Protein backbone atom coordinates (compact mmCIF):
# COMPACT_ATOMS: atom_id res chain seq x y z
CA MET A 1 -11.10 5.17 14.76
CA THR A 2 -10.75 1.53 15.37
CA GLU A 3 -14.09 0.59 14.75
CA LEU A 4 -14.51 2.57 11.57
CA LEU A 5 -11.33 0.71 10.08
CA LYS A 6 -12.42 -2.86 11.43
CA ILE A 7 -15.63 -1.75 8.99
CA GLU A 8 -13.31 -0.63 6.22
CA TRP A 9 -11.43 -4.28 6.57
CA LEU A 10 -14.52 -6.27 6.28
CA LYS A 11 -15.13 -4.49 3.04
CA VAL A 12 -11.57 -5.34 1.64
CA LYS A 13 -10.55 -8.67 3.08
CA ALA A 14 -12.58 -10.73 0.45
CA TYR A 15 -11.75 -8.12 -2.65
CA ARG A 16 -9.11 -9.93 -4.64
CA THR A 17 -7.83 -6.61 -6.32
CA PHE A 18 -6.75 -5.59 -2.85
CA TRP A 19 -4.73 -8.63 -2.05
CA LEU A 20 -3.06 -8.85 -5.62
CA LEU A 21 -1.81 -4.97 -5.71
CA SER A 22 -0.87 -5.28 -1.83
CA GLY A 23 0.96 -8.19 -2.64
CA LEU A 24 2.65 -6.73 -5.77
CA PHE A 25 3.92 -3.97 -3.76
CA LEU A 26 5.26 -6.38 -0.78
CA ALA A 27 7.16 -8.49 -3.46
CA ILE A 28 8.26 -6.14 -5.74
CA VAL A 29 10.07 -3.68 -3.63
CA PRO A 30 12.55 -6.06 -2.24
CA LEU A 31 12.92 -7.72 -5.63
CA ILE A 32 14.12 -4.40 -7.34
CA LEU A 33 16.43 -3.84 -4.49
CA TRP A 34 17.97 -7.27 -5.17
CA SER A 35 18.25 -6.54 -8.70
CA TYR A 36 19.85 -3.06 -8.02
CA GLU A 37 22.62 -4.93 -5.81
CA LEU A 38 23.24 -7.58 -8.26
CA ILE A 39 23.74 -4.66 -10.90
CA LEU A 40 26.24 -3.31 -8.62
CA LYS A 41 27.91 -6.44 -7.82
CA ASN A 42 28.49 -7.93 -11.09
CA SER A 43 29.79 -4.33 -12.76
CA LYS A 44 32.35 -4.91 -9.89
CA GLN A 45 31.46 -1.54 -8.15
CA ILE A 46 32.24 -2.65 -4.74
CA ALA A 47 32.79 0.77 -3.86
CA ALA A 48 29.36 2.04 -4.96
CA PHE A 49 27.75 -1.46 -3.41
CA LEU A 50 28.69 -0.92 -0.03
CA GLY A 51 27.82 3.10 -0.51
CA ALA A 52 24.42 2.37 -1.43
CA PHE A 53 23.56 -0.58 1.07
CA SER A 54 25.57 0.36 3.77
CA PHE A 55 23.70 2.22 6.85
CA PRO A 56 23.01 5.22 6.72
CA LYS A 57 22.85 5.26 3.34
CA ALA A 58 20.48 1.88 3.04
CA TRP A 59 17.57 3.69 4.04
CA GLU A 60 17.66 6.17 1.32
CA THR A 61 18.80 3.64 -1.41
CA SER A 62 15.49 1.69 -0.21
CA ALA A 63 13.23 4.53 0.03
CA TRP A 64 14.27 5.89 -3.31
CA ILE A 65 13.81 2.90 -5.29
CA GLY A 66 10.96 1.74 -3.25
CA SER A 67 8.87 4.97 -3.95
CA ALA A 68 9.09 3.98 -7.64
CA MET A 69 6.69 1.76 -6.75
CA TYR A 70 4.14 3.78 -4.55
CA PRO A 71 1.75 4.66 -7.38
CA ILE A 72 0.62 0.61 -7.17
CA MET A 73 -1.05 1.42 -3.54
CA GLY A 74 -2.19 4.96 -5.21
CA ILE A 75 -4.19 2.67 -7.76
CA LEU A 76 -5.50 0.34 -4.98
CA LEU A 77 -6.71 3.52 -3.12
CA ILE A 78 -8.27 5.02 -6.08
CA ILE A 79 -10.07 1.79 -6.93
CA PHE A 80 -11.63 1.47 -3.33
CA LEU A 81 -12.85 5.05 -3.84
CA THR A 82 -14.36 5.19 -7.21
CA ASN A 83 -16.11 1.74 -6.52
CA GLU A 84 -17.76 3.14 -3.17
CA ASN A 85 -18.96 6.19 -5.47
CA ASN A 86 -20.22 4.35 -8.19
CA PHE A 87 -22.05 1.73 -5.57
CA ARG A 88 -23.19 4.47 -3.71
CA THR A 89 -21.41 2.79 -0.27
CA ILE A 90 -21.64 6.18 1.13
CA ARG A 91 -25.46 6.54 0.93
CA GLN A 92 -25.73 2.90 2.49
CA ASN A 93 -23.18 3.71 5.46
CA ILE A 94 -25.22 6.78 6.41
CA ILE A 95 -28.54 4.96 6.06
CA ASP A 96 -26.63 2.16 8.48
CA GLY A 97 -26.29 5.30 10.63
CA TRP A 98 -22.91 6.69 9.96
CA SER A 99 -22.45 10.42 9.71
CA ARG A 100 -20.58 12.15 6.78
CA ASP A 101 -17.76 12.81 9.09
CA GLN A 102 -17.18 9.50 10.11
CA TYR A 103 -17.46 8.07 6.53
CA ILE A 104 -14.67 10.66 5.85
CA LEU A 105 -12.48 9.54 8.86
CA ALA A 106 -12.93 6.02 7.49
CA LYS A 107 -11.33 6.94 4.05
CA PHE A 108 -8.77 9.00 5.73
CA GLY A 109 -7.51 6.10 8.19
CA VAL A 110 -7.56 3.90 4.90
CA MET A 111 -5.04 6.33 3.47
CA ILE A 112 -2.91 6.35 6.85
CA SER A 113 -2.96 2.61 7.15
CA MET A 114 -1.97 2.06 3.75
CA ALA A 115 0.83 4.73 4.09
CA VAL A 116 2.05 2.87 7.29
CA PHE A 117 2.14 -0.33 5.33
CA MET A 118 4.18 1.13 2.61
CA THR A 119 6.47 2.53 5.13
CA LEU A 120 7.27 -0.73 6.95
CA VAL A 121 7.93 -2.59 3.60
CA ILE A 122 10.26 0.17 2.84
CA VAL A 123 12.28 0.00 6.49
CA ALA A 124 11.86 -3.92 6.52
CA SER A 125 14.09 -4.06 3.23
CA ALA A 126 15.95 -1.19 4.14
CA LEU A 127 17.13 -3.34 7.40
CA PHE A 128 17.35 -6.62 5.68
CA PHE A 129 19.87 -5.11 2.68
CA GLY A 130 21.79 -2.83 5.10
CA LEU A 131 22.38 -5.55 7.62
CA ARG A 132 23.67 -7.89 5.17
CA SER A 133 26.07 -5.78 3.80
CA GLY A 134 27.58 -5.80 7.53
CA GLN A 135 28.24 -2.06 7.30
CA GLY A 136 27.40 0.92 9.31
CA ASP A 137 24.91 1.25 12.33
CA PRO A 138 21.21 0.74 11.61
CA THR A 139 20.05 3.30 13.92
CA ASP A 140 22.21 6.05 12.07
CA GLY A 141 20.04 7.75 9.67
CA ILE A 142 16.88 6.35 11.55
CA GLY A 143 15.12 9.45 11.05
CA MET A 144 14.76 8.69 7.31
CA ILE A 145 11.56 6.43 8.40
CA TRP A 146 9.56 9.90 8.98
CA LEU A 147 10.56 11.26 5.56
CA ILE A 148 9.37 7.60 4.10
CA PHE A 149 5.94 8.07 5.65
CA VAL A 150 5.38 11.60 4.38
CA GLN A 151 6.28 10.41 0.75
CA ALA A 152 3.78 7.49 1.01
CA MET A 153 1.41 10.04 2.35
CA ASP A 154 1.91 12.54 -0.28
CA TYR A 155 1.58 9.96 -3.04
CA LEU A 156 -1.74 8.50 -1.37
CA ALA A 157 -3.12 12.01 -0.94
CA VAL A 158 -2.69 12.62 -4.88
CA ALA A 159 -4.68 9.64 -5.32
CA LEU A 160 -7.26 10.09 -2.76
CA PHE A 161 -7.92 13.70 -4.48
CA LEU A 162 -8.66 11.66 -7.75
CA GLY A 163 -10.43 9.04 -6.54
CA VAL A 164 -12.89 11.31 -4.79
CA PHE A 165 -13.17 13.78 -7.69
CA MET A 166 -13.55 11.49 -10.40
CA LYS A 167 -15.94 8.54 -10.98
CA ARG A 168 -14.45 6.37 -13.43
CA ALA A 169 -11.27 4.27 -11.81
CA GLY A 170 -9.75 3.73 -15.50
CA VAL A 171 -9.66 7.40 -16.24
CA ALA A 172 -8.52 8.50 -12.77
CA ILE A 173 -5.64 5.70 -12.33
CA ALA A 174 -4.33 6.74 -16.10
CA ILE A 175 -4.15 10.34 -15.10
CA TYR A 176 -2.46 9.49 -11.74
CA VAL A 177 0.02 6.97 -13.75
CA MET A 178 0.88 9.57 -16.14
CA TYR A 179 1.48 12.34 -13.91
CA ALA A 180 3.43 10.46 -11.23
CA TYR A 181 5.71 8.88 -13.84
CA VAL A 182 6.07 11.17 -16.61
CA PHE A 183 4.46 14.29 -16.62
CA GLU A 184 5.90 15.89 -13.06
CA PHE A 185 9.59 14.51 -13.80
CA PHE A 186 9.84 16.09 -16.99
CA ILE A 187 8.08 19.48 -16.52
CA SER A 188 9.92 19.90 -13.19
CA ARG A 189 13.40 19.31 -14.87
CA LEU A 190 12.23 21.50 -17.83
CA ILE A 191 11.05 24.20 -15.05
CA ASP A 192 14.65 23.74 -13.20
CA PHE A 193 16.46 24.05 -16.55
CA LYS A 194 14.76 27.44 -17.56
CA VAL A 195 14.19 28.79 -14.34
CA LYS A 196 17.42 27.53 -12.45
CA ALA A 197 16.13 27.80 -8.84
CA HIS A 198 15.03 24.46 -8.23
CA MET A 199 11.46 25.63 -9.30
CA GLY A 200 10.31 22.32 -9.98
CA ALA A 201 10.62 21.25 -6.65
CA LEU A 202 7.16 22.82 -5.96
CA PHE A 203 5.36 20.30 -7.71
CA PRO A 204 2.98 17.88 -5.56
CA LEU A 205 5.23 14.73 -5.83
CA GLU A 206 8.50 16.17 -7.16
CA CYS A 207 8.85 17.80 -3.46
CA THR A 208 9.12 14.40 -1.72
CA ASP A 209 11.08 12.66 -4.66
CA ARG A 210 13.72 15.52 -3.91
CA MET A 211 13.19 14.88 -0.03
CA ILE A 212 14.69 11.40 -0.73
CA PRO A 213 16.63 12.16 -3.93
CA GLY A 214 18.77 8.60 -4.18
CA GLU A 215 20.61 8.72 -7.58
CA THR A 216 18.56 11.36 -9.33
CA LYS A 217 20.29 14.00 -7.41
CA LEU A 218 22.97 14.48 -10.18
CA VAL A 219 20.11 14.99 -12.76
CA ASN A 220 18.63 17.85 -10.24
CA GLU A 221 21.77 19.35 -9.93
CA LEU A 222 22.43 19.43 -13.85
CA ALA A 223 19.00 20.57 -14.58
CA SER A 224 19.35 23.45 -12.05
CA GLN A 225 22.98 24.41 -13.26
CA GLY A 226 24.75 24.72 -9.84
CA VAL A 227 21.63 26.67 -8.10
CA LYS A 228 21.59 25.89 -4.03
CA PRO A 229 18.60 23.40 -3.69
CA PHE A 230 15.61 23.69 -1.26
CA GLU A 231 16.66 22.60 2.14
CA GLN A 232 15.18 18.99 3.18
CA SER A 233 13.24 20.72 5.98
CA THR A 234 11.34 23.06 3.36
CA LEU A 235 10.51 20.23 0.93
CA GLN A 236 9.09 18.74 4.21
CA MET A 237 6.91 21.34 4.50
CA ILE A 238 6.09 21.68 0.88
CA ALA A 239 4.94 18.08 1.00
CA ILE A 240 2.86 18.25 4.36
CA GLY A 241 1.05 21.32 2.73
CA TYR A 242 0.18 19.08 -0.31
CA ILE A 243 -1.18 16.40 1.93
CA LEU A 244 -3.22 18.96 4.03
CA LEU A 245 -4.65 20.78 0.72
CA PHE A 246 -5.60 17.45 -1.07
CA CYS A 247 -6.87 15.82 1.98
CA PHE A 248 -9.11 19.17 2.48
CA LEU A 249 -10.45 19.16 -0.89
CA ALA A 250 -11.37 15.33 -0.52
CA TYR A 251 -12.87 15.85 2.62
CA ARG A 252 -15.04 19.36 1.19
CA ARG A 253 -15.85 17.23 -1.77
CA LEU A 254 -17.31 14.35 0.11
CA LYS A 255 -18.79 16.72 2.74
CA ARG A 256 -20.90 18.30 -0.18
CA SER A 257 -21.44 15.40 -2.27
CA ASP A 258 -24.89 14.57 -3.63
CA LEU A 259 -26.10 11.01 -2.26
C-alpha cells in the first residue's frame, strides 16, 4: 500500500488543483470557526461562546462547522477519478504491471488519506479554539475524533461512487454539490415532518450530519415533532454501511470496466 500511495503522490504533487482545493479546505475551516467565534463574542452571548468552544463541546462545534466544507475534498476526489477515467490511466497502470486490484486499492488508499487529512484539520482546529477558550479538558470527548473520521469517509465515499460511475467531472461535481448542500437536507426534513420518525436520518450523508448535529439539532427536533431520534451508535452503523456499499459499488465498477 505504501508503494501504491507513493505512486499516487507522484501523480498529484505537481497538480495545481490538488494544492488549491487542499489549501482551501485547510484555510477555510479555521477561518469559519474564527468567524463563528467572533459572531458569538460580538453578540455578547458569553454563555453561548463558552458553551460552543469549551471542551468537550469544542469537538462537536469544530466538526459541525468543518463538515460543511467536506464537499471541497469530495470535489477533489471526483476530479482525480474522472481525469484518470478520461485519460485511461488505469490502462497505462496495468500496462506498467499493476493488477486491477492494485489500482483499486490505490484509489481506496487515496480516499482514506484524504479522510485522515480532513480529520486532522478538524482536530487541530478544535484543539486551537478549545484551548484558547481555557475551558474544559481536551481529553473529554476525544472519542469525537472517530466520528469525524467516519463522517469524512462517508462524504468521500459518495464522491468516490460518482467519480467512478460518471465520466464528466463537471456533471459529477454539480450532482455532488447539489445533493450534499441542498437535496438531502430538504428532503430529509420533509420526510421527518411527514413521517415523524426521524427517517430522514437514513440518507447517506444525513446520517453522519445527525451523528454530529451541532446547532442543527433544534431543526431536527422541530421537524420530527418530539419523536425520539436514532441513537448515535445506530447512526454510526448506518454511515459505515453506506461507506462499505459505495466502496463495493466502485470496486465492482472498476473491476468490470472496459479498458
